[in-house]
Amino acid sequence: MSEVAEKLVQYRKLLRRDFAADLEFGSRLAKRVFLGRFLFGSVPARMVQFTRRSPRFSAIMQDLFAGKQPYLGLKKRLFRNLNGSLYEIGMSLGFSRLLSRNARA
């Protein structure tokens, strides 16, 4: 194999390791995200709602959109923060209901 061919093979390996594998995974994930359903609503609608109500979930989404959170590690990070995110969402929902109840009284 020539030196140029070896460099090309090495370049492709580095490209796949540093960039392409995550991009491929993200492209497979896109259909689930944009066309999927979660908790009786569309996934994008739930993501917006969760982002509004959970600082933890919002931080994950910010990192994802900024390119700091790879798609390949997203599931693990979401599960690691699941309890905290659900707690924040629940508290936010409970607090907003309490405020609306007090406003009507």
PDB file of N, CA and C in Angstrom:
ATOM      1  N   MET A   1       0.855  -1.172   0.000  1.00  0.00           N
ATOM      2  CA  MET A   1       0.000   0.000   0.000  1.00  0.00           C
ATOM      3  C   MET A   1       0.900   1.235   0.000  1.00  0.00           C
ATOM      4  N   SER A   2       0.534   2.201  -0.821  1.00  0.00           N
ATOM      5  CA  SER A   2       1.348   3.413  -0.912  1.00  0.00           C
ATOM      6  C   SER A   2       1.152   4.284   0.323  1.00  0.00           C
ATOM      7  N   GLU A   3       2.059   5.224   0.488  1.00  0.00           N
ATOM      8  CA  GLU A   3       1.983   6.134   1.637  1.00  0.00           C
ATOM      9  C   GLU A   3       0.704   6.973   1.588  1.00  0.00           C
ATOM     10  N   VAL A   4       0.304   7.388   0.398  1.00  0.00           N
ATOM     11  CA  VAL A   4      -0.918   8.182   0.238  1.00  0.00           C
ATOM     12  C   VAL A   4      -2.144   7.349   0.624  1.00  0.00           C
ATOM     13  N   ALA A   5      -2.165   6.112   0.177  1.00  0.00           N
ATOM     14  CA  ALA A   5      -3.285   5.222   0.504  1.00  0.00           C
ATOM     15  C   ALA A   5      -3.354   4.965   2.003  1.00  0.00           C
ATOM     16  N   GLU A   6      -2.214   4.786   2.651  1.00  0.00           N
ATOM     17  CA  GLU A   6      -2.187   4.576   4.099  1.00  0.00           C
ATOM     18  C   GLU A   6      -2.701   5.803   4.846  1.00  0.00           C
ATOM     19  N   LYS A   7      -2.299   6.979   4.376  1.00  0.00           N
ATOM     20  CA  LYS A   7      -2.774   8.214   5.004  1.00  0.00           C
ATOM     21  C   LYS A   7      -4.283   8.373   4.824  1.00  0.00           C
ATOM     22  N   LEU A   8      -4.780   7.985   3.663  1.00  0.00           N
ATOM     23  CA  LEU A   8      -6.217   8.054   3.403  1.00  0.00           C
ATOM     24  C   LEU A   8      -6.989   7.115   4.336  1.00  0.00           C
ATOM     25  N   VAL A   9      -6.476   5.913   4.518  1.00  0.00           N
ATOM     26  CA  VAL A   9      -7.108   4.950   5.427  1.00  0.00           C
ATOM     27  C   VAL A   9      -7.092   5.496   6.852  1.00  0.00           C
ATOM     28  N   GLN A  10      -5.961   6.035   7.270  1.00  0.00           N
ATOM     29  CA  GLN A  10      -5.843   6.606   8.617  1.00  0.00           C
ATOM     30  C   GLN A  10      -6.798   7.787   8.787  1.00  0.00           C
ATOM     31  N   TYR A  11      -6.881   8.632   7.763  1.00  0.00           N
ATOM     32  CA  TYR A  11      -7.783   9.798   7.815  1.00  0.00           C
ATOM     33  C   TYR A  11      -9.235   9.343   7.983  1.00  0.00           C
ATOM     34  N   ARG A  12      -9.625   8.337   7.222  1.00  0.00           N
ATOM     35  CA  ARG A  12     -10.999   7.827   7.316  1.00  0.00           C
ATOM     36  C   ARG A  12     -11.286   7.254   8.702  1.00  0.00           C
ATOM     37  N   LYS A  13     -10.321   6.572   9.291  1.00  0.00           N
ATOM     38  CA  LYS A  13     -10.497   6.035  10.648  1.00  0.00           C
ATOM     39  C   LYS A  13     -10.679   7.162  11.661  1.00  0.00           C
ATOM     40  N   LEU A  14      -9.846   8.191  11.547  1.00  0.00           N
ATOM     41  CA  LEU A  14      -9.954   9.335  12.466  1.00  0.00           C
ATOM     42  C   LEU A  14     -11.261  10.082  12.269  1.00  0.00           C
ATOM     43  N   LEU A  15     -11.658  10.238  11.026  1.00  0.00           N
ATOM     44  CA  LEU A  15     -12.918  10.912  10.723  1.00  0.00           C
ATOM     45  C   LEU A  15     -14.090  10.157  11.336  1.00  0.00           C
ATOM     46  N   ARG A  16     -14.083   8.859  11.182  1.00  0.00           N
ATOM     47  CA  ARG A  16     -15.163   8.041  11.752  1.00  0.00           C
ATOM     48  C   ARG A  16     -15.150   8.120  13.278  1.00  0.00           C
ATOM     49  N   ARG A  17     -13.983   8.011  13.881  1.00  0.00           N
ATOM     50  CA  ARG A  17     -13.868   8.054  15.340  1.00  0.00           C
ATOM     51  C   ARG A  17     -14.308   9.402  15.910  1.00  0.00           C
ATOM     52  N   ASP A  18     -13.873  10.476  15.292  1.00  0.00           N
ATOM     53  CA  ASP A  18     -14.107  11.806  15.857  1.00  0.00           C
ATOM     54  C   ASP A  18     -15.406  12.457  15.427  1.00  0.00           C
ATOM     55  N   PHE A  19     -16.033  11.972  14.366  1.00  0.00           N
ATOM     56  CA  PHE A  19     -17.152  12.733  13.825  1.00  0.00           C
ATOM     57  C   PHE A  19     -18.254  11.880  13.209  1.00  0.00           C
ATOM     58  N   ALA A  20     -17.903  11.045  12.268  1.00  0.00           N
ATOM     59  CA  ALA A  20     -18.892  10.359  11.445  1.00  0.00           C
ATOM     60  C   ALA A  20     -19.772   9.378  12.215  1.00  0.00           C
ATOM     61  N   ALA A  21     -19.225   8.636  13.155  1.00  0.00           N
ATOM     62  CA  ALA A  21     -20.032   7.651  13.897  1.00  0.00           C
ATOM     63  C   ALA A  21     -21.151   8.340  14.666  1.00  0.00           C
ATOM     64  N   ASP A  22     -20.840   9.461  15.303  1.00  0.00           N
ATOM     65  CA  ASP A  22     -21.858  10.205  16.049  1.00  0.00           C
ATOM     66  C   ASP A  22     -22.901  10.786  15.098  1.00  0.00           C
ATOM     67  N   LEU A  23     -22.464  11.302  13.962  1.00  0.00           N
ATOM     68  CA  LEU A  23     -23.386  11.868  12.985  1.00  0.00           C
ATOM     69  C   LEU A  23     -24.309  10.802  12.409  1.00  0.00           C
ATOM     70  N   GLU A  24     -23.778   9.623  12.144  1.00  0.00           N
ATOM     71  CA  GLU A  24     -24.598   8.512  11.652  1.00  0.00           C
ATOM     72  C   GLU A  24     -25.661   8.127  12.680  1.00  0.00           C
ATOM     73  N   PHE A  25     -25.256   8.047  13.934  1.00  0.00           N
ATOM     74  CA  PHE A  25     -26.206   7.713  14.992  1.00  0.00           C
ATOM     75  C   PHE A  25     -27.283   8.795  15.096  1.00  0.00           C
ATOM     76  N   GLY A  26     -26.880  10.053  15.034  1.00  0.00           N
ATOM     77  CA  GLY A  26     -27.830  11.166  15.084  1.00  0.00           C
ATOM     78  C   GLY A  26     -28.831  11.115  13.942  1.00  0.00           C
ATOM     79  N   SER A  27     -28.384  10.721  12.779  1.00  0.00           N
ATOM     80  CA  SER A  27     -29.302  10.640  11.638  1.00  0.00           C
ATOM     81  C   SER A  27     -30.332   9.524  11.830  1.00  0.00           C
ATOM     82  N   ARG A  28     -29.930   8.431  12.474  1.00  0.00           N
ATOM     83  CA  ARG A  28     -30.891   7.355  12.762  1.00  0.00           C
ATOM     84  C   ARG A  28     -31.856   7.769  13.870  1.00  0.00           C
ATOM     85  N   LEU A  29     -31.385   8.585  14.780  1.00  0.00           N
ATOM     86  CA  LEU A  29     -32.198   9.059  15.897  1.00  0.00           C
ATOM     87  C   LEU A  29     -33.232  10.100  15.451  1.00  0.00           C
ATOM     88  N   ALA A  30     -32.924  10.825  14.394  1.00  0.00           N
ATOM     89  CA  ALA A  30     -33.770  11.936  13.945  1.00  0.00           C
ATOM     90  C   ALA A  30     -35.211  11.504  13.682  1.00  0.00           C
ATOM     91  N   LYS A  31     -35.419  10.371  13.057  1.00  0.00           N
ATOM     92  CA  LYS A  31     -36.778   9.914  12.751  1.00  0.00           C
ATOM     93  C   LYS A  31     -37.586   9.722  14.030  1.00  0.00           C
ATOM     94  N   ARG A  32     -36.975   9.132  15.047  1.00  0.00           N
ATOM     95  CA  ARG A  32     -37.664   8.940  16.326  1.00  0.00           C
ATOM     96  C   ARG A  32     -37.992  10.265  16.984  1.00  0.00           C
ATOM     97  N   VAL A  33     -37.053  11.196  16.923  1.00  0.00           N
ATOM     98  CA  VAL A  33     -37.243  12.488  17.589  1.00  0.00           C
ATOM     99  C   VAL A  33     -38.321  13.299  16.894  1.00  0.00           C
ATOM    100  N   PHE A  34     -38.257  13.409  15.591  1.00  0.00           N
ATOM    101  CA  PHE A  34     -39.170  14.299  14.890  1.00  0.00           C
ATOM    102  C   PHE A  34     -40.518  13.678  14.562  1.00  0.00           C
ATOM    103  N   LEU A  35     -40.592  12.356  14.495  1.00  0.00           N
ATOM    104  CA  LEU A  35     -41.861  11.705  14.165  1.00  0.00           C
ATOM    105  C   LEU A  35     -42.422  10.879  15.318  1.00  0.00           C
ATOM    106  N   GLY A  36     -41.668  10.742  16.393  1.00  0.00           N
ATOM    107  CA  GLY A  36     -42.075   9.891  17.503  1.00  0.00           C
ATOM    108  C   GLY A  36     -43.088  10.539  18.427  1.00  0.00           C
ATOM    109  N   ARG A  37     -43.638   9.708  19.297  1.00  0.00           N
ATOM    110  CA  ARG A  37     -44.616  10.163  20.285  1.00  0.00           C
ATOM    111  C   ARG A  37     -44.102   9.767  21.665  1.00  0.00           C
ATOM    112  N   PHE A  38     -44.390  10.623  22.656  1.00  0.00           N
ATOM    113  CA  PHE A  38     -43.953  10.377  24.026  1.00  0.00           C
ATOM    114  C   PHE A  38     -44.957  11.017  24.964  1.00  0.00           C
ATOM    115  N   LEU A  39     -45.474  10.242  25.907  1.00  0.00           N
ATOM    116  CA  LEU A  39     -46.459  10.727  26.880  1.00  0.00           C
ATOM    117  C   LEU A  39     -47.641  11.425  26.198  1.00  0.00           C
ATOM    118  N   PHE A  40     -48.219  10.751  25.217  1.00  0.00           N
ATOM    119  CA  PHE A  40     -49.424  11.195  24.517  1.00  0.00           C
ATOM    120  C   PHE A  40     -49.232  12.486  23.727  1.00  0.00           C
ATOM    121  N   GLY A  41     -48.014  12.812  23.361  1.00  0.00           N
ATOM    122  CA  GLY A  41     -47.731  13.993  22.547  1.00  0.00           C
ATOM    123  C   GLY A  41     -46.531  13.733  21.656  1.00  0.00           C
ATOM    124  N   SER A  42     -46.249  14.680  20.783  1.00  0.00           N
ATOM    125  CA  SER A  42     -45.096  14.527  19.904  1.00  0.00           C
ATOM    126  C   SER A  42     -43.815  14.710  20.716  1.00  0.00           C
ATOM    127  N   VAL A  43     -42.763  14.059  20.283  1.00  0.00           N
ATOM    128  CA  VAL A  43     -41.477  14.165  20.980  1.00  0.00           C
ATOM    129  C   VAL A  43     -40.981  15.614  20.991  1.00  0.00           C
ATOM    130  N   PRO A  44     -41.025  16.349  19.855  1.00  0.00           N
ATOM    131  CA  PRO A  44     -40.559  17.742  19.916  1.00  0.00           C
ATOM    132  C   PRO A  44     -41.363  18.600  20.907  1.00  0.00           C
ATOM    133  N   ALA A  45     -42.666  18.409  20.969  1.00  0.00           N
ATOM    134  CA  ALA A  45     -43.486  19.184  21.922  1.00  0.00           C
ATOM    135  C   ALA A  45     -43.087  18.863  23.359  1.00  0.00           C
ATOM    136  N   ARG A  46     -42.869  17.590  23.658  1.00  0.00           N
ATOM    137  CA  ARG A  46     -42.463  17.201  25.013  1.00  0.00           C
ATOM    138  C   ARG A  46     -41.065  17.735  25.337  1.00  0.00           C
ATOM    139  N   MET A  47     -40.173  17.732  24.358  1.00  0.00           N
ATOM    140  CA  MET A  47     -38.825  18.253  24.590  1.00  0.00           C
ATOM    141  C   MET A  47     -38.875  19.741  24.941  1.00  0.00           C
ATOM    142  N   VAL A  48     -39.719  20.485  24.247  1.00  0.00           N
ATOM    143  CA  VAL A  48     -39.860  21.918  24.547  1.00  0.00           C
ATOM    144  C   VAL A  48     -40.444  22.100  25.946  1.00  0.00           C
ATOM    145  N   GLN A  49     -41.466  21.332  26.278  1.00  0.00           N
ATOM    146  CA  GLN A  49     -42.074  21.420  27.613  1.00  0.00           C
ATOM    147  C   GLN A  49     -41.066  21.063  28.699  1.00  0.00           C
ATOM    148  N   PHE A  50     -40.329  19.981  28.507  1.00  0.00           N
ATOM    149  CA  PHE A  50     -39.345  19.567  29.504  1.00  0.00           C
ATOM    150  C   PHE A  50     -38.232  20.606  29.630  1.00  0.00           C
ATOM    151  N   THR A  51     -37.819  21.184  28.514  1.00  0.00           N
ATOM    152  CA  THR A  51     -36.762  22.200  28.541  1.00  0.00           C
ATOM    153  C   THR A  51     -37.216  23.425  29.333  1.00  0.00           C
ATOM    154  N   ARG A  52     -38.468  23.788  29.196  1.00  0.00           N
ATOM    155  CA  ARG A  52     -39.011  24.931  29.945  1.00  0.00           C
ATOM    156  C   ARG A  52     -39.079  24.657  31.441  1.00  0.00           C
ATOM    157  N   ARG A  53     -39.329  23.424  31.822  1.00  0.00           N
ATOM    158  CA  ARG A  53     -39.614  23.107  33.222  1.00  0.00           C
ATOM    159  C   ARG A  53     -38.451  22.480  33.990  1.00  0.00           C
ATOM    160  N   SER A  54     -37.411  22.058  33.300  1.00  0.00           N
ATOM    161  CA  SER A  54     -36.297  21.382  33.980  1.00  0.00           C
ATOM    162  C   SER A  54     -34.959  21.997  33.580  1.00  0.00           C
ATOM    163  N   PRO A  55     -34.294  22.662  34.516  1.00  0.00           N
ATOM    164  CA  PRO A  55     -32.959  23.190  34.217  1.00  0.00           C
ATOM    165  C   PRO A  55     -31.969  22.090  33.808  1.00  0.00           C
ATOM    166  N   ARG A  56     -32.089  20.906  34.388  1.00  0.00           N
ATOM    167  CA  ARG A  56     -31.192  19.800  34.025  1.00  0.00           C
ATOM    168  C   ARG A  56     -31.392  19.397  32.571  1.00  0.00           C
ATOM    169  N   PHE A  57     -32.647  19.197  32.197  1.00  0.00           N
ATOM    170  CA  PHE A  57     -32.963  18.802  30.824  1.00  0.00           C
ATOM    171  C   PHE A  57     -32.566  19.918  29.863  1.00  0.00           C
ATOM    172  N   SER A  58     -32.804  21.155  30.258  1.00  0.00           N
ATOM    173  CA  SER A  58     -32.419  22.302  29.437  1.00  0.00           C
ATOM    174  C   SER A  58     -30.914  22.328  29.191  1.00  0.00           C
ATOM    175  N   ALA A  59     -30.129  22.040  30.218  1.00  0.00           N
ATOM    176  CA  ALA A  59     -28.666  22.019  30.068  1.00  0.00           C
ATOM    177  C   ALA A  59     -28.232  20.932  29.092  1.00  0.00           C
ATOM    178  N   ILE A  60     -28.890  19.782  29.154  1.00  0.00           N
ATOM    179  CA  ILE A  60     -28.564  18.690  28.233  1.00  0.00           C
ATOM    180  C   ILE A  60     -28.873  19.119  26.798  1.00  0.00           C
ATOM    181  N   MET A  61     -30.035  19.718  26.582  1.00  0.00           N
ATOM    182  CA  MET A  61     -30.415  20.157  25.237  1.00  0.00           C
ATOM    183  C   MET A  61     -29.493  21.261  24.735  1.00  0.00           C
ATOM    184  N   GLN A  62     -29.107  22.181  25.607  1.00  0.00           N
ATOM    185  CA  GLN A  62     -28.168  23.230  25.203  1.00  0.00           C
ATOM    186  C   GLN A  62     -26.837  22.628  24.759  1.00  0.00           C
ATOM    187  N   ASP A  63     -26.347  21.666  25.521  1.00  0.00           N
ATOM    188  CA  ASP A  63     -25.098  21.008  25.162  1.00  0.00           C
ATOM    189  C   ASP A  63     -25.232  20.238  23.852  1.00  0.00           C
ATOM    190  N   LEU A  64     -26.382  19.601  23.643  1.00  0.00           N
ATOM    191  CA  LEU A  64     -26.614  18.854  22.411  1.00  0.00           C
ATOM    192  C   LEU A  64     -26.608  19.790  21.205  1.00  0.00           C
ATOM    193  N   PHE A  65     -27.341  20.898  21.308  1.00  0.00           N
ATOM    194  CA  PHE A  65     -27.427  21.829  20.188  1.00  0.00           C
ATOM    195  C   PHE A  65     -26.118  22.578  19.950  1.00  0.00           C
ATOM    196  N   ALA A  66     -25.323  22.763  20.993  1.00  0.00           N
ATOM    197  CA  ALA A  66     -24.030  23.440  20.863  1.00  0.00           C
ATOM    198  C   ALA A  66     -22.933  22.497  20.378  1.00  0.00           C
ATOM    199  N   GLY A  67     -23.237  21.216  20.283  1.00  0.00           N
ATOM    200  CA  GLY A  67     -22.244  20.245  19.844  1.00  0.00           C
ATOM    201  C   GLY A  67     -21.341  19.741  20.959  1.00  0.00           C
ATOM    202  N   LYS A  68     -21.664  20.079  22.208  1.00  0.00           N
ATOM    203  CA  LYS A  68     -20.862  19.620  23.342  1.00  0.00           C
ATOM    204  C   LYS A  68     -21.302  18.235  23.823  1.00  0.00           C
ATOM    205  N   GLN A  69     -22.533  17.835  23.512  1.00  0.00           N
ATOM    206  CA  GLN A  69     -23.068  16.545  23.915  1.00  0.00           C
ATOM    207  C   GLN A  69     -23.197  15.659  22.681  1.00  0.00           C
ATOM    208  N   PRO A  70     -22.356  14.632  22.549  1.00  0.00           N
ATOM    209  CA  PRO A  70     -22.480  13.736  21.394  1.00  0.00           C
ATOM    210  C   PRO A  70     -23.763  12.912  21.470  1.00  0.00           C
ATOM    211  N   TYR A  71     -24.300  12.581  20.320  1.00  0.00           N
ATOM    212  CA  TYR A  71     -25.503  11.745  20.274  1.00  0.00           C
ATOM    213  C   TYR A  71     -25.240  10.381  20.909  1.00  0.00           C
ATOM    214  N   LEU A  72     -24.027   9.865  20.713  1.00  0.00           N
ATOM    215  CA  LEU A  72     -23.713   8.529  21.230  1.00  0.00           C
ATOM    216  C   LEU A  72     -23.783   8.454  22.750  1.00  0.00           C
ATOM    217  N   GLY A  73     -23.586   9.530  23.467  1.00  0.00           N
ATOM    218  CA  GLY A  73     -23.656   9.523  24.922  1.00  0.00           C
ATOM    219  C   GLY A  73     -24.932  10.132  25.473  1.00  0.00           C
ATOM    220  N   LEU A  74     -25.831  10.530  24.589  1.00  0.00           N
ATOM    221  CA  LEU A  74     -27.050  11.234  25.011  1.00  0.00           C
ATOM    222  C   LEU A  74     -27.949  10.370  25.887  1.00  0.00           C
ATOM    223  N   LYS A  75     -28.202   9.151  25.472  1.00  0.00           N
ATOM    224  CA  LYS A  75     -29.091   8.266  26.236  1.00  0.00           C
ATOM    225  C   LYS A  75     -28.584   8.062  27.656  1.00  0.00           C
ATOM    226  N   LYS A  76     -27.287   7.818  27.791  1.00  0.00           N
ATOM    227  CA  LYS A  76     -26.694   7.605  29.112  1.00  0.00           C
ATOM    228  C   LYS A  76     -26.856   8.848  29.986  1.00  0.00           C
ATOM    229  N   ARG A  77     -26.609  10.023  29.415  1.00  0.00           N
ATOM    230  CA  ARG A  77     -26.744  11.264  30.190  1.00  0.00           C
ATOM    231  C   ARG A  77     -28.198  11.532  30.560  1.00  0.00           C
ATOM    232  N   LEU A  78     -29.120  11.274  29.630  1.00  0.00           N
ATOM    233  CA  LEU A  78     -30.541  11.469  29.943  1.00  0.00           C
ATOM    234  C   LEU A  78     -30.973  10.565  31.093  1.00  0.00           C
ATOM    235  N   PHE A  79     -30.560   9.299  31.062  1.00  0.00           N
ATOM    236  CA  PHE A  79     -30.919   8.381  32.143  1.00  0.00           C
ATOM    237  C   PHE A  79     -30.267   8.775  33.464  1.00  0.00           C
ATOM    238  N   ARG A  80     -29.030   9.249  33.399  1.00  0.00           N
ATOM    239  CA  ARG A  80     -28.319   9.671  34.603  1.00  0.00           C
ATOM    240  C   ARG A  80     -29.023  10.861  35.271  1.00  0.00           C
ATOM    241  N   ASN A  81     -29.676  11.692  34.480  1.00  0.00           N
ATOM    242  CA  ASN A  81     -30.346  12.884  34.998  1.00  0.00           C
ATOM    243  C   ASN A  81     -31.865  12.721  35.072  1.00  0.00           C
ATOM    244  N   LEU A  82     -32.365  11.536  34.804  1.00  0.00           N
ATOM    245  CA  LEU A  82     -33.808  11.321  34.722  1.00  0.00           C
ATOM    246  C   LEU A  82     -34.545  11.679  36.006  1.00  0.00           C
ATOM    247  N   ASN A  83     -34.089  11.153  37.135  1.00  0.00           N
ATOM    248  CA  ASN A  83     -34.782  11.426  38.398  1.00  0.00           C
ATOM    249  C   ASN A  83     -34.822  12.920  38.707  1.00  0.00           C
ATOM    250  N   GLY A  84     -33.697  13.583  38.564  1.00  0.00           N
ATOM    251  CA  GLY A  84     -33.644  15.017  38.829  1.00  0.00           C
ATOM    252  C   GLY A  84     -34.514  15.807  37.878  1.00  0.00           C
ATOM    253  N   SER A  85     -34.502  15.440  36.605  1.00  0.00           N
ATOM    254  CA  SER A  85     -35.329  16.143  35.619  1.00  0.00           C
ATOM    255  C   SER A  85     -36.811  15.949  35.907  1.00  0.00           C
ATOM    256  N   LEU A  86     -37.204  14.709  36.212  1.00  0.00           N
ATOM    257  CA  LEU A  86     -38.611  14.449  36.524  1.00  0.00           C
ATOM    258  C   LEU A  86     -39.043  15.183  37.791  1.00  0.00           C
ATOM    259  N   TYR A  87     -38.156  15.262  38.762  1.00  0.00           N
ATOM    260  CA  TYR A  87     -38.447  16.006  39.985  1.00  0.00           C
ATOM    261  C   TYR A  87     -38.674  17.487  39.657  1.00  0.00           C
ATOM    262  N   GLU A  88     -37.779  18.060  38.862  1.00  0.00           N
ATOM    263  CA  GLU A  88     -37.925  19.473  38.492  1.00  0.00           C
ATOM    264  C   GLU A  88     -39.208  19.721  37.711  1.00  0.00           C
ATOM    265  N   ILE A  89     -39.531  18.823  36.803  1.00  0.00           N
ATOM    266  CA  ILE A  89     -40.758  18.969  36.012  1.00  0.00           C
ATOM    267  C   ILE A  89     -41.980  18.861  36.920  1.00  0.00           C
ATOM    268  N   GLY A  90     -41.978  17.873  37.802  1.00  0.00           N
ATOM    269  CA  GLY A  90     -43.098  17.704  38.738  1.00  0.00           C
ATOM    270  C   GLY A  90     -43.268  18.901  39.649  1.00  0.00           C
ATOM    271  N   MET A  91     -42.174  19.400  40.189  1.00  0.00           N
ATOM    272  CA  MET A  91     -42.251  20.570  41.060  1.00  0.00           C
ATOM    273  C   MET A  91     -42.745  21.790  40.292  1.00  0.00           C
ATOM    274  N   SER A  92     -42.295  21.939  39.076  1.00  0.00           N
ATOM    275  CA  SER A  92     -42.723  23.070  38.249  1.00  0.00           C
ATOM    276  C   SER A  92     -44.220  22.992  37.968  1.00  0.00           C
ATOM    277  N   LEU A  93     -44.697  21.799  37.634  1.00  0.00           N
ATOM    278  CA  LEU A  93     -46.135  21.627  37.372  1.00  0.00           C
ATOM    279  C   LEU A  93     -46.955  21.879  38.635  1.00  0.00           C
ATOM    280  N   GLY A  94     -46.488  21.335  39.749  1.00  0.00           N
ATOM    281  CA  GLY A  94     -47.203  21.540  41.010  1.00  0.00           C
ATOM    282  C   GLY A  94     -47.212  22.992  41.426  1.00  0.00           C
ATOM    283  N   PHE A  95     -46.090  23.675  41.259  1.00  0.00           N
ATOM    284  CA  PHE A  95     -45.988  25.076  41.632  1.00  0.00           C
ATOM    285  C   PHE A  95     -46.869  25.942  40.740  1.00  0.00           C
ATOM    286  N   SER A  96     -46.912  25.667  39.445  1.00  0.00           N
ATOM    287  CA  SER A  96     -47.743  26.474  38.543  1.00  0.00           C
ATOM    288  C   SER A  96     -49.218  26.245  38.828  1.00  0.00           C
ATOM    289  N   ARG A  97     -49.601  25.034  39.200  1.00  0.00           N
ATOM    290  CA  ARG A  97     -51.007  24.771  39.572  1.00  0.00           C
ATOM    291  C   ARG A  97     -51.363  25.500  40.860  1.00  0.00           C
ATOM    292  N   LEU A  98     -50.435  25.510  41.796  1.00  0.00           N
ATOM    293  CA  LEU A  98     -50.662  26.215  43.049  1.00  0.00           C
ATOM    294  C   LEU A  98     -50.845  27.711  42.798  1.00  0.00           C
ATOM    295  N   LEU A  99     -50.025  28.270  41.935  1.00  0.00           N
ATOM    296  CA  LEU A  99     -50.135  29.693  41.621  1.00  0.00           C
ATOM    297  C   LEU A  99     -51.460  30.013  40.923  1.00  0.00           C
ATOM    298  N   SER A 100     -51.852  29.156  39.988  1.00  0.00           N
ATOM    299  CA  SER A 100     -53.122  29.415  39.284  1.00  0.00           C
ATOM    300  C   SER A 100     -54.317  29.258  40.222  1.00  0.00           C
ATOM    301  N   ARG A 101     -54.238  28.330  41.161  1.00  0.00           N
ATOM    302  CA  ARG A 101     -55.299  28.137  42.133  1.00  0.00           C
ATOM    303  C   ARG A 101     -55.400  29.371  43.053  1.00  0.00           C
ATOM    304  N   ASN A 102     -54.258  29.892  43.493  1.00  0.00           N
ATOM    305  CA  ASN A 102     -54.244  31.081  44.352  1.00  0.00           C
ATOM    306  C   ASN A 102     -54.704  32.318  43.607  1.00  0.00           C
ATOM    307  N   ALA A 103     -54.432  32.385  42.311  1.00  0.00           N
ATOM    308  CA  ALA A 103     -54.856  33.546  41.506  1.00  0.00           C
ATOM    309  C   ALA A 103     -56.374  33.560  41.358  1.00  0.00           C
ATOM    310  N   ARG A 104     -56.999  32.385  41.298  1.00  0.00           N
ATOM    311  CA  ARG A 104     -58.452  32.314  41.154  1.00  0.00           C
ATOM    312  C   ARG A 104     -59.160  32.614  42.481  1.00  0.00           C
ATOM    313  N   ALA A 105     -58.472  32.386  43.589  1.00  0.00           N
ATOM    314  CA  ALA A 105     -59.104  32.559  44.906  1.00  0.00           C
ATOM    315  C   ALA A 105     -59.197  34.014  45.319  1.00  0.00           C
TER     316      ALA A 105
END
